[in-house]
Amino acid sequence: MNNVSIKAFVLVGLLISLLIAIFVSPFASSYPDGLEKVAEIKGFLEKGEEWVLWKLSLMPDYSIPGSKNEKIATGLSGFIGTLIVFGVGYGVARLIRSKRSQHKV
């Protein structure tokens, strides 16, 4: 794969991920995931929600503070989360690439 096709592959992948985050995530199951269900059954779910970082979260429980429409808030938080994960991954890839190019010289 040359550089142009890798960039196109990454951009198409990002676009597909964003579309899924926006249009599919609002229809995800409202039931708790496995870890949350176990915490609920074992009675320590509230302890996890008392965690300080949880209270500082920008999008707690896939919601946008102030948004009244839950499905739009979920899609928007999925969009923002996907961009953040992509940005972190892209940054790490750039760091690794620059380290490798320094070692080749």
PDB file of N, CA and C in Angstrom:
ATOM      1  N   MET A   1       0.837  -1.180   0.000  1.00  0.00           N
ATOM      2  CA  MET A   1       0.000   0.000   0.000  1.00  0.00           C
ATOM      3  C   MET A   1       0.878   1.237   0.000  1.00  0.00           C
ATOM      4  N   ASN A   2       0.598   2.176  -0.880  1.00  0.00           N
ATOM      5  CA  ASN A   2       1.368   3.424  -0.861  1.00  0.00           C
ATOM      6  C   ASN A   2       0.711   4.423   0.087  1.00  0.00           C
ATOM      7  N   ASN A   3       1.350   5.598   0.281  1.00  0.00           N
ATOM      8  CA  ASN A   3       0.855   6.580   1.252  1.00  0.00           C
ATOM      9  C   ASN A   3      -0.540   7.087   0.946  1.00  0.00           C
ATOM     10  N   VAL A   4      -0.852   7.294  -0.341  1.00  0.00           N
ATOM     11  CA  VAL A   4      -2.172   7.805  -0.704  1.00  0.00           C
ATOM     12  C   VAL A   4      -3.246   6.797  -0.354  1.00  0.00           C
ATOM     13  N   SER A   5      -3.031   5.536  -0.635  1.00  0.00           N
ATOM     14  CA  SER A   5      -4.056   4.547  -0.337  1.00  0.00           C
ATOM     15  C   SER A   5      -4.194   4.314   1.165  1.00  0.00           C
ATOM     16  N   ILE A   6      -3.108   4.458   1.928  1.00  0.00           N
ATOM     17  CA  ILE A   6      -3.210   4.323   3.389  1.00  0.00           C
ATOM     18  C   ILE A   6      -4.033   5.478   3.950  1.00  0.00           C
ATOM     19  N   LYS A   7      -3.783   6.689   3.462  1.00  0.00           N
ATOM     20  CA  LYS A   7      -4.568   7.837   3.929  1.00  0.00           C
ATOM     21  C   LYS A   7      -6.036   7.680   3.567  1.00  0.00           C
ATOM     22  N   ALA A   8      -6.308   7.220   2.359  1.00  0.00           N
ATOM     23  CA  ALA A   8      -7.695   7.003   1.946  1.00  0.00           C
ATOM     24  C   ALA A   8      -8.347   5.929   2.798  1.00  0.00           C
ATOM     25  N   PHE A   9      -7.597   4.855   3.096  1.00  0.00           N
ATOM     26  CA  PHE A   9      -8.119   3.772   3.928  1.00  0.00           C
ATOM     27  C   PHE A   9      -8.463   4.289   5.316  1.00  0.00           C
ATOM     28  N   VAL A  10      -7.578   5.097   5.905  1.00  0.00           N
ATOM     29  CA  VAL A  10      -7.809   5.638   7.257  1.00  0.00           C
ATOM     30  C   VAL A  10      -9.003   6.594   7.247  1.00  0.00           C
ATOM     31  N   LEU A  11      -9.080   7.458   6.252  1.00  0.00           N
ATOM     32  CA  LEU A  11     -10.196   8.413   6.187  1.00  0.00           C
ATOM     33  C   LEU A  11     -11.536   7.711   5.980  1.00  0.00           C
ATOM     34  N   VAL A  12     -11.563   6.699   5.133  1.00  0.00           N
ATOM     35  CA  VAL A  12     -12.811   5.947   4.930  1.00  0.00           C
ATOM     36  C   VAL A  12     -13.193   5.220   6.223  1.00  0.00           C
ATOM     37  N   GLY A  13     -12.207   4.658   6.900  1.00  0.00           N
ATOM     38  CA  GLY A  13     -12.472   3.994   8.181  1.00  0.00           C
ATOM     39  C   GLY A  13     -13.006   4.954   9.223  1.00  0.00           C
ATOM     40  N   LEU A  14     -12.414   6.147   9.280  1.00  0.00           N
ATOM     41  CA  LEU A  14     -12.891   7.169  10.219  1.00  0.00           C
ATOM     42  C   LEU A  14     -14.314   7.585   9.867  1.00  0.00           C
ATOM     43  N   LEU A  15     -14.579   7.790   8.595  1.00  0.00           N
ATOM     44  CA  LEU A  15     -15.923   8.197   8.168  1.00  0.00           C
ATOM     45  C   LEU A  15     -16.958   7.132   8.528  1.00  0.00           C
ATOM     46  N   ILE A  16     -16.642   5.873   8.278  1.00  0.00           N
ATOM     47  CA  ILE A  16     -17.571   4.781   8.621  1.00  0.00           C
ATOM     48  C   ILE A  16     -17.791   4.740  10.136  1.00  0.00           C
ATOM     49  N   SER A  17     -16.710   4.912  10.908  1.00  0.00           N
ATOM     50  CA  SER A  17     -16.822   4.894  12.369  1.00  0.00           C
ATOM     51  C   SER A  17     -17.703   6.036  12.872  1.00  0.00           C
ATOM     52  N   LEU A  18     -17.522   7.215  12.270  1.00  0.00           N
ATOM     53  CA  LEU A  18     -18.339   8.358  12.686  1.00  0.00           C
ATOM     54  C   LEU A  18     -19.811   8.145  12.342  1.00  0.00           C
ATOM     55  N   LEU A  19     -20.071   7.587  11.164  1.00  0.00           N
ATOM     56  CA  LEU A  19     -21.465   7.325  10.779  1.00  0.00           C
ATOM     57  C   LEU A  19     -22.116   6.313  11.722  1.00  0.00           C
ATOM     58  N   ILE A  20     -21.365   5.277  12.088  1.00  0.00           N
ATOM     59  CA  ILE A  20     -21.898   4.284  13.032  1.00  0.00           C
ATOM     60  C   ILE A  20     -22.137   4.943  14.390  1.00  0.00           C
ATOM     61  N   ALA A  21     -21.184   5.757  14.832  1.00  0.00           N
ATOM     62  CA  ALA A  21     -21.322   6.417  16.145  1.00  0.00           C
ATOM     63  C   ALA A  21     -22.539   7.333  16.171  1.00  0.00           C
ATOM     64  N   ILE A  22     -22.775   8.029  15.068  1.00  0.00           N
ATOM     65  CA  ILE A  22     -23.881   8.990  15.046  1.00  0.00           C
ATOM     66  C   ILE A  22     -25.234   8.291  14.885  1.00  0.00           C
ATOM     67  N   PHE A  23     -25.315   7.356  13.936  1.00  0.00           N
ATOM     68  CA  PHE A  23     -26.619   6.824  13.561  1.00  0.00           C
ATOM     69  C   PHE A  23     -26.974   5.470  14.178  1.00  0.00           C
ATOM     70  N   VAL A  24     -25.999   4.714  14.652  1.00  0.00           N
ATOM     71  CA  VAL A  24     -26.299   3.388  15.210  1.00  0.00           C
ATOM     72  C   VAL A  24     -26.279   3.407  16.735  1.00  0.00           C
ATOM     73  N   SER A  25     -25.339   4.174  17.331  1.00  0.00           N
ATOM     74  CA  SER A  25     -25.214   4.151  18.795  1.00  0.00           C
ATOM     75  C   SER A  25     -26.484   4.580  19.532  1.00  0.00           C
ATOM     76  N   PRO A  26     -27.300   5.482  19.011  1.00  0.00           N
ATOM     77  CA  PRO A  26     -28.529   5.815  19.736  1.00  0.00           C
ATOM     78  C   PRO A  26     -29.497   4.631  19.881  1.00  0.00           C
ATOM     79  N   PHE A  27     -29.313   3.594  19.067  1.00  0.00           N
ATOM     80  CA  PHE A  27     -30.211   2.453  19.129  1.00  0.00           C
ATOM     81  C   PHE A  27     -29.596   1.262  19.859  1.00  0.00           C
ATOM     82  N   ALA A  28     -28.471   1.494  20.539  1.00  0.00           N
ATOM     83  CA  ALA A  28     -27.831   0.423  21.317  1.00  0.00           C
ATOM     84  C   ALA A  28     -28.732   0.053  22.489  1.00  0.00           C
ATOM     85  N   SER A  29     -28.505  -1.116  23.021  1.00  0.00           N
ATOM     86  CA  SER A  29     -29.321  -1.612  24.123  1.00  0.00           C
ATOM     87  C   SER A  29     -29.243  -0.677  25.326  1.00  0.00           C
ATOM     88  N   SER A  30     -30.373  -0.454  25.949  1.00  0.00           N
ATOM     89  CA  SER A  30     -30.399   0.384  27.151  1.00  0.00           C
ATOM     90  C   SER A  30     -30.130  -0.433  28.408  1.00  0.00           C
ATOM     91  N   TYR A  31     -30.021  -1.754  28.248  1.00  0.00           N
ATOM     92  CA  TYR A  31     -29.715  -2.608  29.397  1.00  0.00           C
ATOM     93  C   TYR A  31     -28.242  -2.445  29.764  1.00  0.00           C
ATOM     94  N   PRO A  32     -27.909  -2.607  31.041  1.00  0.00           N
ATOM     95  CA  PRO A  32     -26.504  -2.442  31.451  1.00  0.00           C
ATOM     96  C   PRO A  32     -25.608  -3.511  30.842  1.00  0.00           C
ATOM     97  N   ASP A  33     -24.331  -3.121  30.583  1.00  0.00           N
ATOM     98  CA  ASP A  33     -23.377  -4.105  30.065  1.00  0.00           C
ATOM     99  C   ASP A  33     -23.006  -5.086  31.176  1.00  0.00           C
ATOM    100  N   GLY A  34     -22.173  -6.060  30.844  1.00  0.00           N
ATOM    101  CA  GLY A  34     -21.843  -7.134  31.787  1.00  0.00           C
ATOM    102  C   GLY A  34     -21.252  -6.636  33.087  1.00  0.00           C
ATOM    103  N   LEU A  35     -20.268  -5.758  33.015  1.00  0.00           N
ATOM    104  CA  LEU A  35     -19.620  -5.258  34.228  1.00  0.00           C
ATOM    105  C   LEU A  35     -20.589  -4.442  35.074  1.00  0.00           C
ATOM    106  N   GLU A  36     -21.385  -3.619  34.415  1.00  0.00           N
ATOM    107  CA  GLU A  36     -22.347  -2.797  35.145  1.00  0.00           C
ATOM    108  C   GLU A  36     -23.417  -3.673  35.800  1.00  0.00           C
ATOM    109  N   LYS A  37     -23.831  -4.735  35.126  1.00  0.00           N
ATOM    110  CA  LYS A  37     -24.841  -5.646  35.680  1.00  0.00           C
ATOM    111  C   LYS A  37     -24.294  -6.375  36.911  1.00  0.00           C
ATOM    112  N   VAL A  38     -23.044  -6.838  36.829  1.00  0.00           N
ATOM    113  CA  VAL A  38     -22.423  -7.512  37.975  1.00  0.00           C
ATOM    114  C   VAL A  38     -22.297  -6.535  39.142  1.00  0.00           C
ATOM    115  N   ALA A  39     -21.890  -5.302  38.866  1.00  0.00           N
ATOM    116  CA  ALA A  39     -21.777  -4.293  39.925  1.00  0.00           C
ATOM    117  C   ALA A  39     -23.128  -4.017  40.560  1.00  0.00           C
ATOM    118  N   GLU A  40     -24.169  -4.042  39.723  1.00  0.00           N
ATOM    119  CA  GLU A  40     -25.526  -3.830  40.222  1.00  0.00           C
ATOM    120  C   GLU A  40     -25.952  -4.986  41.113  1.00  0.00           C
ATOM    121  N   ILE A  41     -25.670  -6.222  40.682  1.00  0.00           N
ATOM    122  CA  ILE A  41     -26.069  -7.422  41.440  1.00  0.00           C
ATOM    123  C   ILE A  41     -25.284  -7.508  42.747  1.00  0.00           C
ATOM    124  N   LYS A  42     -23.984  -7.220  42.672  1.00  0.00           N
ATOM    125  CA  LYS A  42     -23.131  -7.331  43.865  1.00  0.00           C
ATOM    126  C   LYS A  42     -23.241  -6.113  44.780  1.00  0.00           C
ATOM    127  N   GLY A  43     -23.905  -5.069  44.320  1.00  0.00           N
ATOM    128  CA  GLY A  43     -24.189  -3.923  45.170  1.00  0.00           C
ATOM    129  C   GLY A  43     -23.091  -2.895  45.290  1.00  0.00           C
ATOM    130  N   PHE A  44     -22.191  -2.815  44.312  1.00  0.00           N
ATOM    131  CA  PHE A  44     -21.159  -1.788  44.399  1.00  0.00           C
ATOM    132  C   PHE A  44     -21.220  -0.797  43.229  1.00  0.00           C
ATOM    133  N   LEU A  45     -22.324  -0.765  42.537  1.00  0.00           N
ATOM    134  CA  LEU A  45     -22.480   0.165  41.406  1.00  0.00           C
ATOM    135  C   LEU A  45     -22.388   1.623  41.862  1.00  0.00           C
ATOM    136  N   GLU A  46     -22.982   1.936  43.010  1.00  0.00           N
ATOM    137  CA  GLU A  46     -22.970   3.320  43.496  1.00  0.00           C
ATOM    138  C   GLU A  46     -21.560   3.779  43.846  1.00  0.00           C
ATOM    139  N   LYS A  47     -20.723   2.855  44.318  1.00  0.00           N
ATOM    140  CA  LYS A  47     -19.351   3.224  44.672  1.00  0.00           C
ATOM    141  C   LYS A  47     -18.591   3.692  43.427  1.00  0.00           C
ATOM    142  N   GLY A  48     -18.815   3.056  42.302  1.00  0.00           N
ATOM    143  CA  GLY A  48     -18.154   3.451  41.066  1.00  0.00           C
ATOM    144  C   GLY A  48     -18.613   4.814  40.586  1.00  0.00           C
ATOM    145  N   GLU A  49     -19.866   5.133  40.816  1.00  0.00           N
ATOM    146  CA  GLU A  49     -20.383   6.425  40.387  1.00  0.00           C
ATOM    147  C   GLU A  49     -19.950   7.555  41.301  1.00  0.00           C
ATOM    148  N   GLU A  50     -19.397   7.202  42.480  1.00  0.00           N
ATOM    149  CA  GLU A  50     -18.886   8.229  43.396  1.00  0.00           C
ATOM    150  C   GLU A  50     -17.470   8.659  43.023  1.00  0.00           C
ATOM    151  N   TRP A  51     -16.857   7.961  42.103  1.00  0.00           N
ATOM    152  CA  TRP A  51     -15.485   8.244  41.697  1.00  0.00           C
ATOM    153  C   TRP A  51     -15.386   9.682  41.197  1.00  0.00           C
ATOM    154  N   VAL A  52     -14.380  10.418  41.600  1.00  0.00           N
ATOM    155  CA  VAL A  52     -14.258  11.840  41.302  1.00  0.00           C
ATOM    156  C   VAL A  52     -14.179  12.101  39.797  1.00  0.00           C
ATOM    157  N   LEU A  53     -13.386  11.305  39.071  1.00  0.00           N
ATOM    158  CA  LEU A  53     -13.253  11.539  37.632  1.00  0.00           C
ATOM    159  C   LEU A  53     -14.580  11.354  36.902  1.00  0.00           C
ATOM    160  N   TRP A  54     -15.417  10.459  37.403  1.00  0.00           N
ATOM    161  CA  TRP A  54     -16.731  10.246  36.796  1.00  0.00           C
ATOM    162  C   TRP A  54     -17.535  11.536  36.835  1.00  0.00           C
ATOM    163  N   LYS A  55     -17.425  12.266  37.961  1.00  0.00           N
ATOM    164  CA  LYS A  55     -18.192  13.502  38.118  1.00  0.00           C
ATOM    165  C   LYS A  55     -17.662  14.616  37.220  1.00  0.00           C
ATOM    166  N   LEU A  56     -16.380  14.536  36.827  1.00  0.00           N
ATOM    167  CA  LEU A  56     -15.783  15.554  35.970  1.00  0.00           C
ATOM    168  C   LEU A  56     -15.929  15.226  34.486  1.00  0.00           C
ATOM    169  N   SER A  57     -16.509  14.093  34.173  1.00  0.00           N
ATOM    170  CA  SER A  57     -16.626  13.664  32.790  1.00  0.00           C
ATOM    171  C   SER A  57     -17.425  14.659  31.955  1.00  0.00           C
ATOM    172  N   LEU A  58     -16.979  14.879  30.723  1.00  0.00           N
ATOM    173  CA  LEU A  58     -17.697  15.790  29.831  1.00  0.00           C
ATOM    174  C   LEU A  58     -18.998  15.181  29.325  1.00  0.00           C
ATOM    175  N   MET A  59     -19.002  13.848  29.183  1.00  0.00           N
ATOM    176  CA  MET A  59     -20.178  13.166  28.655  1.00  0.00           C
ATOM    177  C   MET A  59     -20.514  11.968  29.550  1.00  0.00           C
ATOM    178  N   PRO A  60     -21.007  12.211  30.761  1.00  0.00           N
ATOM    179  CA  PRO A  60     -21.286  11.096  31.666  1.00  0.00           C
ATOM    180  C   PRO A  60     -22.392  10.183  31.121  1.00  0.00           C
ATOM    181  N   ASP A  61     -22.107   8.896  31.103  1.00  0.00           N
ATOM    182  CA  ASP A  61     -23.083   7.886  30.662  1.00  0.00           C
ATOM    183  C   ASP A  61     -23.617   8.186  29.257  1.00  0.00           C
ATOM    184  N   TYR A  62     -22.734   8.605  28.353  1.00  0.00           N
ATOM    185  CA  TYR A  62     -23.044   8.886  26.940  1.00  0.00           C
ATOM    186  C   TYR A  62     -24.111   9.967  26.778  1.00  0.00           C
ATOM    187  N   SER A  63     -24.104  10.936  27.671  1.00  0.00           N
ATOM    188  CA  SER A  63     -25.064  12.025  27.553  1.00  0.00           C
ATOM    189  C   SER A  63     -24.308  13.342  27.425  1.00  0.00           C
ATOM    190  N   ILE A  64     -25.005  14.329  26.913  1.00  0.00           N
ATOM    191  CA  ILE A  64     -24.440  15.669  26.794  1.00  0.00           C
ATOM    192  C   ILE A  64     -25.209  16.537  27.794  1.00  0.00           C
ATOM    193  N   PRO A  65     -24.499  17.117  28.765  1.00  0.00           N
ATOM    194  CA  PRO A  65     -25.203  17.949  29.746  1.00  0.00           C
ATOM    195  C   PRO A  65     -26.011  19.061  29.053  1.00  0.00           C
ATOM    196  N   GLY A  66     -27.253  19.196  29.436  1.00  0.00           N
ATOM    197  CA  GLY A  66     -28.120  20.216  28.859  1.00  0.00           C
ATOM    198  C   GLY A  66     -28.956  19.718  27.702  1.00  0.00           C
ATOM    199  N   SER A  67     -28.611  18.565  27.144  1.00  0.00           N
ATOM    200  CA  SER A  67     -29.372  18.030  26.025  1.00  0.00           C
ATOM    201  C   SER A  67     -30.578  17.265  26.550  1.00  0.00           C
ATOM    202  N   LYS A  68     -31.746  17.557  25.996  1.00  0.00           N
ATOM    203  CA  LYS A  68     -32.970  16.896  26.461  1.00  0.00           C
ATOM    204  C   LYS A  68     -33.304  15.655  25.643  1.00  0.00           C
ATOM    205  N   ASN A  69     -32.790  15.577  24.420  1.00  0.00           N
ATOM    206  CA  ASN A  69     -33.064  14.422  23.565  1.00  0.00           C
ATOM    207  C   ASN A  69     -31.957  13.385  23.769  1.00  0.00           C
ATOM    208  N   GLU A  70     -32.309  12.256  24.375  1.00  0.00           N
ATOM    209  CA  GLU A  70     -31.324  11.232  24.727  1.00  0.00           C
ATOM    210  C   GLU A  70     -30.657  10.625  23.494  1.00  0.00           C
ATOM    211  N   LYS A  71     -31.414  10.383  22.430  1.00  0.00           N
ATOM    212  CA  LYS A  71     -30.842   9.747  21.227  1.00  0.00           C
ATOM    213  C   LYS A  71     -29.845  10.682  20.525  1.00  0.00           C
ATOM    214  N   ILE A  72     -30.166  11.961  20.450  1.00  0.00           N
ATOM    215  CA  ILE A  72     -29.239  12.920  19.839  1.00  0.00           C
ATOM    216  C   ILE A  72     -27.981  13.054  20.700  1.00  0.00           C
ATOM    217  N   ALA A  73     -28.158  13.100  22.018  1.00  0.00           N
ATOM    218  CA  ALA A  73     -27.012  13.206  22.926  1.00  0.00           C
ATOM    219  C   ALA A  73     -26.112  11.980  22.812  1.00  0.00           C
ATOM    220  N   THR A  74     -26.705  10.795  22.693  1.00  0.00           N
ATOM    221  CA  THR A  74     -25.918   9.570  22.556  1.00  0.00           C
ATOM    222  C   THR A  74     -25.144   9.575  21.246  1.00  0.00           C
ATOM    223  N   GLY A  75     -25.787   9.965  20.148  1.00  0.00           N
ATOM    224  CA  GLY A  75     -25.103  10.033  18.855  1.00  0.00           C
ATOM    225  C   GLY A  75     -23.984  11.066  18.858  1.00  0.00           C
ATOM    226  N   LEU A  76     -24.243  12.204  19.476  1.00  0.00           N
ATOM    227  CA  LEU A  76     -23.232  13.263  19.548  1.00  0.00           C
ATOM    228  C   LEU A  76     -22.053  12.844  20.431  1.00  0.00           C
ATOM    229  N   SER A  77     -22.343  12.186  21.549  1.00  0.00           N
ATOM    230  CA  SER A  77     -21.236  11.723  22.405  1.00  0.00           C
ATOM    231  C   SER A  77     -20.444  10.621  21.703  1.00  0.00           C
ATOM    232  N   GLY A  78     -21.112   9.785  20.908  1.00  0.00           N
ATOM    233  CA  GLY A  78     -20.401   8.778  20.116  1.00  0.00           C
ATOM    234  C   GLY A  78     -19.500   9.435  19.075  1.00  0.00           C
ATOM    235  N   PHE A  79     -20.000  10.482  18.435  1.00  0.00           N
ATOM    236  CA  PHE A  79     -19.217  11.231  17.447  1.00  0.00           C
ATOM    237  C   PHE A  79     -17.975  11.841  18.094  1.00  0.00           C
ATOM    238  N   ILE A  80     -18.163  12.515  19.235  1.00  0.00           N
ATOM    239  CA  ILE A  80     -17.047  13.161  19.937  1.00  0.00           C
ATOM    240  C   ILE A  80     -16.052  12.114  20.440  1.00  0.00           C
ATOM    241  N   GLY A  81     -16.568  11.033  21.017  1.00  0.00           N
ATOM    242  CA  GLY A  81     -15.694   9.968  21.512  1.00  0.00           C
ATOM    243  C   GLY A  81     -14.878   9.329  20.404  1.00  0.00           C
ATOM    244  N   THR A  82     -15.511   9.119  19.246  1.00  0.00           N
ATOM    245  CA  THR A  82     -14.796   8.532  18.112  1.00  0.00           C
ATOM    246  C   THR A  82     -13.671   9.460  17.650  1.00  0.00           C
ATOM    247  N   LEU A  83     -13.955  10.754  17.598  1.00  0.00           N
ATOM    248  CA  LEU A  83     -12.911  11.714  17.193  1.00  0.00           C
ATOM    249  C   LEU A  83     -11.769  11.749  18.209  1.00  0.00           C
ATOM    250  N   ILE A  84     -12.091  11.672  19.502  1.00  0.00           N
ATOM    251  CA  ILE A  84     -11.042  11.679  20.530  1.00  0.00           C
ATOM    252  C   ILE A  84     -10.169  10.431  20.402  1.00  0.00           C
ATOM    253  N   VAL A  85     -10.789   9.273  20.260  1.00  0.00           N
ATOM    254  CA  VAL A  85     -10.017   8.024  20.123  1.00  0.00           C
ATOM    255  C   VAL A  85      -9.169   8.059  18.860  1.00  0.00           C
ATOM    256  N   PHE A  86      -9.743   8.559  17.753  1.00  0.00           N
ATOM    257  CA  PHE A  86      -8.967   8.670  16.518  1.00  0.00           C
ATOM    258  C   PHE A  86      -7.785   9.616  16.704  1.00  0.00           C
ATOM    259  N   GLY A  87      -8.025  10.750  17.354  1.00  0.00           N
ATOM    260  CA  GLY A  87      -6.953  11.721  17.581  1.00  0.00           C
ATOM    261  C   GLY A  87      -5.829  11.146  18.427  1.00  0.00           C
ATOM    262  N   VAL A  88      -6.163  10.434  19.478  1.00  0.00           N
ATOM    263  CA  VAL A  88      -5.137   9.814  20.325  1.00  0.00           C
ATOM    264  C   VAL A  88      -4.367   8.758  19.529  1.00  0.00           C
ATOM    265  N   GLY A  89      -5.091   7.927  18.803  1.00  0.00           N
ATOM    266  CA  GLY A  89      -4.433   6.901  17.985  1.00  0.00           C
ATOM    267  C   GLY A  89      -3.541   7.502  16.915  1.00  0.00           C
ATOM    268  N   TYR A  90      -4.022   8.558  16.284  1.00  0.00           N
ATOM    269  CA  TYR A  90      -3.230   9.235  15.253  1.00  0.00           C
ATOM    270  C   TYR A  90      -1.970   9.837  15.860  1.00  0.00           C
ATOM    271  N   GLY A  91      -2.111  10.450  17.040  1.00  0.00           N
ATOM    272  CA  GLY A  91      -0.957  11.040  17.717  1.00  0.00           C
ATOM    273  C   GLY A  91       0.080   9.987  18.089  1.00  0.00           C
ATOM    274  N   VAL A  92      -0.362   8.861  18.600  1.00  0.00           N
ATOM    275  CA  VAL A  92       0.567   7.778  18.962  1.00  0.00           C
ATOM    276  C   VAL A  92       1.266   7.251  17.707  1.00  0.00           C
ATOM    277  N   ALA A  93       0.508   7.079  16.629  1.00  0.00           N
ATOM    278  CA  ALA A  93       1.107   6.591  15.380  1.00  0.00           C
ATOM    279  C   ALA A  93       2.161   7.569  14.861  1.00  0.00           C
ATOM    280  N   ARG A  94       1.881   8.869  14.960  1.00  0.00           N
ATOM    281  CA  ARG A  94       2.864   9.887  14.518  1.00  0.00           C
ATOM    282  C   ARG A  94       4.122   9.846  15.379  1.00  0.00           C
ATOM    283  N   LEU A  95       3.949   9.667  16.694  1.00  0.00           N
ATOM    284  CA  LEU A  95       5.105   9.567  17.584  1.00  0.00           C
ATOM    285  C   LEU A  95       5.968   8.359  17.236  1.00  0.00           C
ATOM    286  N   ILE A  96       5.324   7.230  17.030  1.00  0.00           N
ATOM    287  CA  ILE A  96       6.066   6.006  16.683  1.00  0.00           C
ATOM    288  C   ILE A  96       6.792   6.196  15.356  1.00  0.00           C
ATOM    289  N   ARG A  97       6.103   6.806  14.400  1.00  0.00           N
ATOM    290  CA  ARG A  97       6.715   7.020  13.083  1.00  0.00           C
ATOM    291  C   ARG A  97       7.932   7.948  13.176  1.00  0.00           C
ATOM    292  N   SER A  98       7.818   9.015  13.976  1.00  0.00           N
ATOM    293  CA  SER A  98       8.950   9.938  14.088  1.00  0.00           C
ATOM    294  C   SER A  98      10.123   9.287  14.822  1.00  0.00           C
ATOM    295  N   LYS A  99       9.844   8.448  15.815  1.00  0.00           N
ATOM    296  CA  LYS A  99      10.917   7.735  16.522  1.00  0.00           C
ATOM    297  C   LYS A  99      11.639   6.779  15.570  1.00  0.00           C
ATOM    298  N   ARG A 100      10.861   6.087  14.739  1.00  0.00           N
ATOM    299  CA  ARG A 100      11.481   5.154  13.781  1.00  0.00           C
ATOM    300  C   ARG A 100      12.337   5.888  12.769  1.00  0.00           C
ATOM    301  N   SER A 101      11.865   7.049  12.299  1.00  0.00           N
ATOM    302  CA  SER A 101      12.645   7.787  11.296  1.00  0.00           C
ATOM    303  C   SER A 101      13.919   8.355  11.912  1.00  0.00           C
ATOM    304  N   GLN A 102      13.897   8.678  13.216  1.00  0.00           N
ATOM    305  CA  GLN A 102      15.109   9.160  13.888  1.00  0.00           C
ATOM    306  C   GLN A 102      16.139   8.049  14.013  1.00  0.00           C
ATOM    307  N   HIS A 103      15.687   6.814  14.232  1.00  0.00           N
ATOM    308  CA  HIS A 103      16.611   5.701  14.385  1.00  0.00           C
ATOM    309  C   HIS A 103      17.238   5.279  13.055  1.00  0.00           C
ATOM    310  N   LYS A 104      16.564   5.555  11.944  1.00  0.00           N
ATOM    311  CA  LYS A 104      17.093   5.168  10.633  1.00  0.00           C
ATOM    312  C   LYS A 104      18.227   6.083  10.199  1.00  0.00           C
ATOM    313  N   VAL A 105      18.237   7.336  10.684  1.00  0.00           N
ATOM    314  CA  VAL A 105      19.249   8.307  10.244  1.00  0.00           C
ATOM    315  C   VAL A 105      20.582   8.037  10.867  1.00  0.00           C
TER     316      VAL A 105
END
